Protein backbone atom coordinates (compact mmCIF):
# COMPACT_ATOMS: atom_id res chain seq x y z
CA UNK A 1 23.69 3.49 -10.75
CA UNK A 2 21.09 0.75 -10.19
CA UNK A 3 18.86 -0.63 -12.95
CA UNK A 4 15.25 -1.82 -13.13
CA UNK A 5 12.73 -3.23 -15.60
CA UNK A 6 10.36 -0.70 -17.17
CA UNK A 7 7.38 -0.75 -19.51
CA UNK A 8 6.88 2.68 -21.04
CA UNK A 9 7.45 4.95 -18.04
CA UNK A 10 6.30 2.51 -15.36
CA UNK A 11 8.94 0.87 -13.19
CA UNK A 12 7.98 -2.81 -12.93
CA UNK A 13 10.74 -4.28 -10.79
CA UNK A 14 12.82 -3.47 -7.79
CA UNK A 15 16.19 -1.84 -8.38
CA UNK A 16 19.24 -4.07 -8.85
CA UNK A 17 22.95 -3.22 -8.82
CA UNK A 18 23.68 -3.95 -12.51
CA UNK A 19 21.92 -4.20 -15.84
CA UNK A 20 23.01 -7.87 -15.99
CA UNK A 21 21.11 -8.54 -12.75
CA UNK A 22 17.89 -7.24 -14.31
CA UNK A 23 18.47 -9.30 -17.50
CA UNK A 24 18.84 -12.39 -15.30
CA UNK A 25 15.61 -11.58 -13.45
CA UNK A 26 13.76 -10.92 -16.73
CA UNK A 27 14.99 -14.25 -18.13
CA UNK A 28 13.87 -16.07 -14.97
CA UNK A 29 10.46 -14.42 -15.34
CA UNK A 30 10.07 -15.49 -18.99
CA UNK A 31 10.32 -11.96 -20.39
CA UNK A 32 13.33 -12.63 -22.65
CA UNK A 33 12.80 -14.01 -26.15
CA UNK A 34 15.22 -14.80 -28.97
CA UNK A 35 15.08 -12.61 -32.07
CA UNK A 36 16.95 -12.68 -35.35
CA UNK A 37 19.80 -10.23 -35.56
CA UNK A 38 19.53 -7.12 -37.71
CA UNK A 39 22.58 -8.21 -39.66
CA UNK A 40 20.78 -11.32 -40.88
CA UNK A 41 23.10 -13.67 -39.01
CA UNK A 42 21.58 -17.03 -38.17
CA UNK A 43 22.29 -16.78 -34.42
CA UNK A 44 19.39 -15.23 -32.49
CA UNK A 45 20.01 -12.63 -29.82
CA UNK A 46 18.05 -12.21 -26.58
CA UNK A 47 15.61 -9.31 -26.43
CA UNK A 48 12.93 -8.25 -23.98
CA UNK A 49 9.37 -9.19 -24.87
CA UNK A 50 6.74 -6.53 -25.65
CA UNK A 51 7.63 -2.98 -24.65
CA UNK A 52 9.85 -3.93 -21.72
CA UNK A 53 13.21 -2.26 -21.31
CA UNK A 54 15.99 -2.13 -18.74
CA UNK A 55 17.03 1.34 -17.69
CA UNK A 56 19.11 3.00 -15.00
CA UNK A 57 17.04 4.32 -12.13
CA UNK A 58 17.20 5.68 -8.63
CA UNK A 59 16.28 3.19 -5.93
CA UNK A 60 13.17 3.87 -3.91
CA UNK A 61 13.75 5.35 -0.45
CA UNK A 62 14.89 2.64 1.96
CA UNK A 63 15.52 0.25 -0.99
CA UNK A 64 18.85 -1.59 -1.18
CA UNK A 65 19.62 -2.88 -4.71
CA UNK A 66 22.28 -5.30 -3.38
CA UNK A 67 19.76 -6.78 -0.94
CA UNK A 68 17.19 -7.07 -3.74
CA UNK A 69 19.73 -9.09 -5.73
CA UNK A 70 20.41 -11.42 -2.79
CA UNK A 71 16.69 -11.88 -2.19
CA UNK A 72 16.10 -12.72 -5.88
CA UNK A 73 18.94 -15.25 -5.88
CA UNK A 74 17.61 -16.89 -2.71
CA UNK A 75 14.12 -17.05 -4.20
CA UNK A 76 15.46 -18.63 -7.40
CA UNK A 77 17.39 -21.21 -5.36
CA UNK A 78 14.24 -21.95 -3.34
CA UNK A 79 12.21 -22.36 -6.54
CA UNK A 80 14.78 -24.81 -7.93
CA UNK A 81 14.70 -26.86 -4.74
CA UNK A 82 10.91 -26.85 -4.76
CA UNK A 83 10.83 -28.24 -8.30
CA UNK A 84 13.31 -31.02 -7.48
């Protein structure tokens, strides 16, 4: 089942093949912050900012999660080249 980024009940991103793909996109977008662990360990763990969450979802009609992933990777590569 594909995954997407949500805030409350609103779907904010396209659908992607895995939860890890959406985490990567959220990190690239600056939506991931480090938080202290509940166990009081010194190492922070990544969490989503504000009320964002990653959940399984159905893709929109005519949407291809695998193609969305490829498009996001190409865009990230383009952005890196642009900054260089």
